[in-house]
Amino acid sequence: MIPPMDRPLRVLFLSTSVGALGSGLGGGVELTLHNMAQALSDRQHTIVIVAPVGSVCASFPVVEIAGALQTTAQSEGRDAAIVMPANAVLASMWDYARQVQDQYDLVVNFAYDWLPFYLTPF
């Protein structure tokens, strides 16, 4: 068993970049993010969510990031090239996370896209 922590954590969640959180475009990612935020909050941890402009998540602060939304993988063919749109919200969200990372104990990625795994300088 893991011993309990001596203090609550500050946790930064990065939402999916395919649509505003609360719009439904993120599908199950939105539900998973909300459920995890609620469970951690119930344990006294502080949650802040980074998501595209227009996002809402009841009970949690949302940092809205402007930029072009990522195309959903479900709308592309199997052999489609991975494309990063100009002024991509995905890149801007991770740039923000990099700038504020020292303010958090944990950064959690809910954006199942290639950029967070390949390009981030963490």
N, C-alpha and C. Protein backbone atom coordinates (compact mmCIF):
# COMPACT_ATOMS: atom_id res chain seq x y z
N MET A 1 0.84 -1.18 0.00
CA MET A 1 0.00 0.00 0.00
C MET A 1 0.88 1.24 0.00
N ILE A 2 0.48 2.23 -0.78
CA ILE A 2 1.21 3.50 -0.85
C ILE A 2 0.78 4.37 0.32
N PRO A 3 1.75 4.91 1.08
CA PRO A 3 1.36 5.76 2.20
C PRO A 3 0.71 7.05 1.72
N PRO A 4 -0.19 7.63 2.52
CA PRO A 4 -0.84 8.88 2.11
C PRO A 4 0.18 10.01 2.04
N MET A 5 -0.09 10.98 1.16
CA MET A 5 0.79 12.13 1.03
C MET A 5 0.55 13.10 2.18
N ASP A 6 1.56 13.89 2.46
CA ASP A 6 1.45 14.85 3.55
C ASP A 6 0.80 16.16 3.12
N ARG A 7 0.54 16.31 1.82
CA ARG A 7 -0.12 17.53 1.35
C ARG A 7 -0.87 17.25 0.06
N PRO A 8 -1.89 18.05 -0.22
CA PRO A 8 -2.60 17.89 -1.50
C PRO A 8 -1.70 18.28 -2.67
N LEU A 9 -1.96 17.68 -3.81
CA LEU A 9 -1.21 17.99 -5.03
C LEU A 9 -1.90 19.08 -5.84
N ARG A 10 -1.09 19.82 -6.60
CA ARG A 10 -1.62 20.74 -7.62
C ARG A 10 -1.43 20.01 -8.95
N VAL A 11 -2.54 19.76 -9.64
CA VAL A 11 -2.52 18.94 -10.84
C VAL A 11 -3.03 19.74 -12.03
N LEU A 12 -2.29 19.70 -13.13
CA LEU A 12 -2.68 20.36 -14.37
C LEU A 12 -3.11 19.29 -15.37
N PHE A 13 -4.36 19.36 -15.81
CA PHE A 13 -4.89 18.44 -16.82
C PHE A 13 -4.86 19.14 -18.18
N LEU A 14 -4.41 18.45 -19.22
CA LEU A 14 -4.50 18.95 -20.58
C LEU A 14 -5.54 18.13 -21.32
N SER A 15 -6.61 18.81 -21.72
CA SER A 15 -7.74 18.16 -22.39
C SER A 15 -7.39 17.82 -23.83
N THR A 16 -8.31 17.15 -24.48
CA THR A 16 -8.18 16.86 -25.90
C THR A 16 -8.22 18.16 -26.70
N SER A 17 -7.56 18.16 -27.84
CA SER A 17 -7.48 19.35 -28.69
C SER A 17 -8.40 19.27 -29.90
N VAL A 18 -9.34 18.32 -29.90
CA VAL A 18 -10.24 18.17 -31.05
C VAL A 18 -11.49 19.02 -30.93
N GLY A 19 -11.73 19.59 -29.74
CA GLY A 19 -12.92 20.42 -29.55
C GLY A 19 -12.94 20.97 -28.14
N ALA A 20 -13.79 21.95 -27.93
CA ALA A 20 -13.92 22.55 -26.60
C ALA A 20 -14.42 21.50 -25.61
N LEU A 21 -13.86 21.51 -24.43
CA LEU A 21 -14.31 20.62 -23.36
C LEU A 21 -15.75 20.98 -23.01
N GLY A 22 -16.62 20.00 -23.00
CA GLY A 22 -18.04 20.24 -22.76
C GLY A 22 -18.87 20.24 -24.03
N SER A 23 -18.21 20.25 -25.20
CA SER A 23 -18.92 20.27 -26.47
C SER A 23 -19.36 18.87 -26.90
N GLY A 24 -18.73 17.85 -26.34
CA GLY A 24 -19.01 16.48 -26.73
C GLY A 24 -18.09 15.96 -27.82
N LEU A 25 -17.34 16.85 -28.48
CA LEU A 25 -16.45 16.41 -29.55
C LEU A 25 -15.32 15.52 -29.05
N GLY A 26 -14.97 15.66 -27.78
CA GLY A 26 -13.90 14.86 -27.21
C GLY A 26 -14.34 13.47 -26.78
N GLY A 27 -15.64 13.19 -26.89
CA GLY A 27 -16.15 11.86 -26.57
C GLY A 27 -15.82 11.42 -25.16
N GLY A 28 -15.36 10.17 -25.05
CA GLY A 28 -15.06 9.59 -23.75
C GLY A 28 -13.92 10.27 -23.02
N VAL A 29 -13.07 10.98 -23.74
CA VAL A 29 -11.98 11.71 -23.10
C VAL A 29 -12.55 12.75 -22.14
N GLU A 30 -13.62 13.42 -22.57
CA GLU A 30 -14.24 14.44 -21.72
C GLU A 30 -14.77 13.83 -20.43
N LEU A 31 -15.43 12.70 -20.53
CA LEU A 31 -15.98 12.03 -19.35
C LEU A 31 -14.86 11.55 -18.43
N THR A 32 -13.82 10.97 -19.01
CA THR A 32 -12.70 10.49 -18.21
C THR A 32 -12.02 11.64 -17.48
N LEU A 33 -11.78 12.73 -18.18
CA LEU A 33 -11.16 13.90 -17.56
C LEU A 33 -12.00 14.41 -16.40
N HIS A 34 -13.29 14.57 -16.62
CA HIS A 34 -14.17 15.08 -15.56
C HIS A 34 -14.19 14.13 -14.36
N ASN A 35 -14.30 12.84 -14.61
CA ASN A 35 -14.35 11.87 -13.51
C ASN A 35 -13.04 11.86 -12.71
N MET A 36 -11.91 11.95 -13.40
CA MET A 36 -10.64 11.98 -12.68
C MET A 36 -10.48 13.27 -11.90
N ALA A 37 -10.90 14.39 -12.49
CA ALA A 37 -10.83 15.67 -11.78
C ALA A 37 -11.68 15.62 -10.52
N GLN A 38 -12.87 15.07 -10.62
CA GLN A 38 -13.76 14.98 -9.47
C GLN A 38 -13.18 14.07 -8.39
N ALA A 39 -12.65 12.92 -8.79
CA ALA A 39 -12.09 11.97 -7.82
C ALA A 39 -10.89 12.57 -7.09
N LEU A 40 -10.02 13.26 -7.81
CA LEU A 40 -8.86 13.87 -7.17
C LEU A 40 -9.27 15.05 -6.30
N SER A 41 -10.24 15.82 -6.76
CA SER A 41 -10.75 16.94 -5.97
C SER A 41 -11.38 16.45 -4.68
N ASP A 42 -12.10 15.35 -4.75
CA ASP A 42 -12.71 14.76 -3.55
C ASP A 42 -11.64 14.37 -2.52
N ARG A 43 -10.42 14.18 -2.98
CA ARG A 43 -9.31 13.83 -2.09
C ARG A 43 -8.47 15.06 -1.76
N GLN A 44 -9.06 16.24 -1.99
CA GLN A 44 -8.47 17.54 -1.62
C GLN A 44 -7.34 18.02 -2.52
N HIS A 45 -7.14 17.40 -3.68
CA HIS A 45 -6.14 17.89 -4.62
C HIS A 45 -6.74 19.03 -5.43
N THR A 46 -5.89 19.95 -5.89
CA THR A 46 -6.32 21.09 -6.70
C THR A 46 -6.13 20.76 -8.17
N ILE A 47 -7.19 20.94 -8.95
CA ILE A 47 -7.17 20.62 -10.38
C ILE A 47 -7.36 21.89 -11.19
N VAL A 48 -6.53 22.08 -12.20
CA VAL A 48 -6.70 23.13 -13.20
C VAL A 48 -6.66 22.44 -14.55
N ILE A 49 -7.56 22.85 -15.45
CA ILE A 49 -7.69 22.20 -16.76
C ILE A 49 -7.30 23.17 -17.86
N VAL A 50 -6.48 22.72 -18.79
CA VAL A 50 -6.11 23.48 -19.98
C VAL A 50 -6.88 22.86 -21.14
N ALA A 51 -7.60 23.71 -21.89
CA ALA A 51 -8.46 23.21 -22.97
C ALA A 51 -8.68 24.31 -24.01
N PRO A 52 -9.19 23.94 -25.19
CA PRO A 52 -9.47 24.94 -26.22
C PRO A 52 -10.50 25.98 -25.77
N VAL A 53 -10.44 27.15 -26.40
CA VAL A 53 -11.40 28.23 -26.13
C VAL A 53 -12.82 27.71 -26.24
N GLY A 54 -13.68 28.15 -25.32
CA GLY A 54 -15.07 27.74 -25.31
C GLY A 54 -15.32 26.57 -24.38
N SER A 55 -14.28 26.09 -23.72
CA SER A 55 -14.39 24.93 -22.84
C SER A 55 -15.01 25.30 -21.49
N VAL A 56 -15.78 24.36 -20.95
CA VAL A 56 -16.35 24.50 -19.61
C VAL A 56 -16.27 23.15 -18.91
N CYS A 57 -16.04 23.20 -17.62
CA CYS A 57 -16.05 21.99 -16.80
C CYS A 57 -16.48 22.43 -15.41
N ALA A 58 -17.73 22.16 -15.08
CA ALA A 58 -18.31 22.61 -13.81
C ALA A 58 -17.39 22.27 -12.65
N SER A 59 -17.24 23.21 -11.75
CA SER A 59 -16.49 23.07 -10.50
C SER A 59 -14.97 23.15 -10.65
N PHE A 60 -14.46 23.28 -11.86
CA PHE A 60 -13.01 23.32 -12.04
C PHE A 60 -12.61 24.51 -12.90
N PRO A 61 -11.52 25.19 -12.53
CA PRO A 61 -11.04 26.29 -13.37
C PRO A 61 -10.49 25.75 -14.70
N VAL A 62 -10.81 26.46 -15.77
CA VAL A 62 -10.35 26.07 -17.11
C VAL A 62 -9.54 27.22 -17.69
N VAL A 63 -8.32 26.94 -18.10
CA VAL A 63 -7.49 27.89 -18.83
C VAL A 63 -7.78 27.65 -20.30
N GLU A 64 -8.43 28.63 -20.94
CA GLU A 64 -8.81 28.48 -22.35
C GLU A 64 -7.67 28.94 -23.25
N ILE A 65 -7.33 28.10 -24.21
CA ILE A 65 -6.24 28.37 -25.14
C ILE A 65 -6.81 28.49 -26.56
N ALA A 66 -6.44 29.57 -27.23
CA ALA A 66 -6.90 29.79 -28.61
C ALA A 66 -6.04 28.99 -29.59
N GLY A 67 -6.62 28.69 -30.73
CA GLY A 67 -5.87 28.02 -31.79
C GLY A 67 -6.76 27.11 -32.61
N ALA A 68 -6.20 26.62 -33.70
CA ALA A 68 -6.93 25.72 -34.60
C ALA A 68 -7.04 24.34 -33.96
N LEU A 69 -8.25 23.79 -34.02
CA LEU A 69 -8.50 22.46 -33.44
C LEU A 69 -7.82 21.37 -34.27
N GLN A 70 -7.48 20.28 -33.60
CA GLN A 70 -6.88 19.12 -34.26
C GLN A 70 -7.98 18.31 -34.94
N THR A 71 -7.70 17.74 -36.09
CA THR A 71 -8.64 16.86 -36.77
C THR A 71 -8.73 15.55 -35.99
N THR A 72 -9.92 15.01 -35.86
CA THR A 72 -10.07 13.74 -35.13
C THR A 72 -9.56 12.58 -35.99
N ALA A 73 -8.92 11.63 -35.34
CA ALA A 73 -8.40 10.46 -36.05
C ALA A 73 -9.53 9.67 -36.70
N GLN A 74 -10.71 9.68 -36.07
CA GLN A 74 -11.84 8.92 -36.59
C GLN A 74 -12.33 9.46 -37.93
N SER A 75 -12.03 10.72 -38.23
CA SER A 75 -12.49 11.30 -39.49
C SER A 75 -11.46 11.16 -40.61
N GLU A 76 -10.32 10.57 -40.30
CA GLU A 76 -9.24 10.40 -41.28
C GLU A 76 -9.11 8.94 -41.69
N GLY A 77 -8.56 8.73 -42.85
CA GLY A 77 -8.28 7.38 -43.32
C GLY A 77 -7.07 6.79 -42.60
N ARG A 78 -6.92 5.50 -42.68
CA ARG A 78 -5.84 4.80 -42.00
C ARG A 78 -4.46 5.29 -42.43
N ASP A 79 -4.31 5.66 -43.69
CA ASP A 79 -3.02 6.08 -44.22
C ASP A 79 -2.85 7.60 -44.27
N ALA A 80 -3.76 8.33 -43.65
CA ALA A 80 -3.69 9.79 -43.68
C ALA A 80 -2.45 10.28 -42.94
N ALA A 81 -1.85 11.32 -43.48
CA ALA A 81 -0.69 11.92 -42.83
C ALA A 81 -1.11 12.66 -41.57
N ILE A 82 -0.22 12.71 -40.60
CA ILE A 82 -0.47 13.49 -39.40
C ILE A 82 -0.19 14.94 -39.74
N VAL A 83 -1.17 15.79 -39.52
CA VAL A 83 -1.04 17.20 -39.90
C VAL A 83 -1.19 18.07 -38.66
N MET A 84 -0.29 19.03 -38.53
CA MET A 84 -0.38 20.02 -37.47
C MET A 84 -0.89 21.30 -38.13
N PRO A 85 -2.13 21.72 -37.81
CA PRO A 85 -2.64 22.93 -38.44
C PRO A 85 -1.84 24.16 -38.01
N ALA A 86 -1.85 25.19 -38.84
CA ALA A 86 -1.22 26.45 -38.46
C ALA A 86 -1.90 26.98 -37.21
N ASN A 87 -1.14 27.56 -36.31
CA ASN A 87 -1.67 28.09 -35.05
C ASN A 87 -2.44 27.02 -34.28
N ALA A 88 -1.88 25.84 -34.18
CA ALA A 88 -2.55 24.68 -33.57
C ALA A 88 -2.78 24.88 -32.07
N VAL A 89 -4.00 24.62 -31.64
CA VAL A 89 -4.31 24.71 -30.21
C VAL A 89 -3.52 23.66 -29.43
N LEU A 90 -3.27 22.51 -30.02
CA LEU A 90 -2.50 21.46 -29.36
C LEU A 90 -1.11 21.97 -28.98
N ALA A 91 -0.42 22.57 -29.93
CA ALA A 91 0.92 23.11 -29.66
C ALA A 91 0.85 24.23 -28.63
N SER A 92 -0.16 25.08 -28.72
CA SER A 92 -0.29 26.20 -27.78
C SER A 92 -0.61 25.72 -26.37
N MET A 93 -1.42 24.67 -26.25
CA MET A 93 -1.73 24.11 -24.94
C MET A 93 -0.46 23.58 -24.27
N TRP A 94 0.37 22.88 -25.03
CA TRP A 94 1.60 22.33 -24.46
C TRP A 94 2.65 23.40 -24.22
N ASP A 95 2.63 24.46 -25.01
CA ASP A 95 3.52 25.58 -24.73
C ASP A 95 3.14 26.22 -23.39
N TYR A 96 1.85 26.38 -23.17
CA TYR A 96 1.36 26.91 -21.89
C TYR A 96 1.79 26.00 -20.74
N ALA A 97 1.58 24.70 -20.89
CA ALA A 97 1.95 23.74 -19.84
C ALA A 97 3.43 23.83 -19.51
N ARG A 98 4.25 23.97 -20.53
CA ARG A 98 5.69 24.09 -20.31
C ARG A 98 6.01 25.35 -19.50
N GLN A 99 5.32 26.44 -19.79
CA GLN A 99 5.57 27.70 -19.10
C GLN A 99 5.17 27.66 -17.62
N VAL A 100 4.15 26.89 -17.27
CA VAL A 100 3.64 26.87 -15.89
C VAL A 100 3.96 25.58 -15.15
N GLN A 101 4.72 24.69 -15.74
CA GLN A 101 4.95 23.37 -15.14
C GLN A 101 5.50 23.43 -13.72
N ASP A 102 6.28 24.45 -13.40
CA ASP A 102 6.85 24.53 -12.06
C ASP A 102 5.83 24.89 -10.99
N GLN A 103 4.62 25.26 -11.39
CA GLN A 103 3.54 25.58 -10.46
C GLN A 103 2.72 24.34 -10.08
N TYR A 104 3.03 23.20 -10.69
CA TYR A 104 2.23 21.98 -10.50
C TYR A 104 3.12 20.82 -10.08
N ASP A 105 2.50 19.89 -9.36
CA ASP A 105 3.19 18.67 -8.97
C ASP A 105 3.09 17.60 -10.05
N LEU A 106 2.04 17.71 -10.86
CA LEU A 106 1.75 16.68 -11.85
C LEU A 106 1.05 17.31 -13.05
N VAL A 107 1.49 16.94 -14.25
CA VAL A 107 0.82 17.35 -15.50
C VAL A 107 0.29 16.07 -16.13
N VAL A 108 -1.02 16.05 -16.41
CA VAL A 108 -1.67 14.84 -16.94
C VAL A 108 -2.18 15.13 -18.35
N ASN A 109 -1.78 14.31 -19.30
CA ASN A 109 -2.16 14.46 -20.70
C ASN A 109 -3.42 13.65 -21.03
N PHE A 110 -4.45 14.33 -21.50
CA PHE A 110 -5.64 13.66 -22.01
C PHE A 110 -5.74 13.82 -23.53
N ALA A 111 -4.76 14.48 -24.13
CA ALA A 111 -4.74 14.69 -25.58
C ALA A 111 -3.96 13.54 -26.20
N TYR A 112 -4.67 12.57 -26.74
CA TYR A 112 -4.03 11.39 -27.29
C TYR A 112 -3.55 11.66 -28.71
N ASP A 113 -2.65 12.62 -28.82
CA ASP A 113 -2.11 13.05 -30.10
C ASP A 113 -0.61 12.85 -30.06
N TRP A 114 0.01 12.87 -31.20
CA TRP A 114 1.43 12.60 -31.30
C TRP A 114 2.29 13.69 -30.67
N LEU A 115 1.88 14.94 -30.74
CA LEU A 115 2.75 16.03 -30.29
C LEU A 115 3.15 15.94 -28.82
N PRO A 116 2.22 15.68 -27.90
CA PRO A 116 2.64 15.63 -26.50
C PRO A 116 3.71 14.57 -26.24
N PHE A 117 3.68 13.50 -27.00
CA PHE A 117 4.63 12.42 -26.79
C PHE A 117 5.95 12.65 -27.54
N TYR A 118 5.92 13.36 -28.63
CA TYR A 118 7.07 13.48 -29.51
C TYR A 118 7.85 14.79 -29.35
N LEU A 119 7.14 15.89 -29.16
CA LEU A 119 7.75 17.19 -29.34
C LEU A 119 7.98 17.99 -28.06
N THR A 120 7.40 17.60 -26.96
CA THR A 120 7.49 18.42 -25.77
C THR A 120 8.88 18.38 -25.14
N PRO A 121 9.35 19.52 -24.62
CA PRO A 121 10.68 19.58 -24.02
C PRO A 121 10.68 19.24 -22.53
N PHE A 122 9.80 18.39 -22.04
CA PHE A 122 9.75 18.06 -20.62
C PHE A 122 10.82 17.04 -20.29
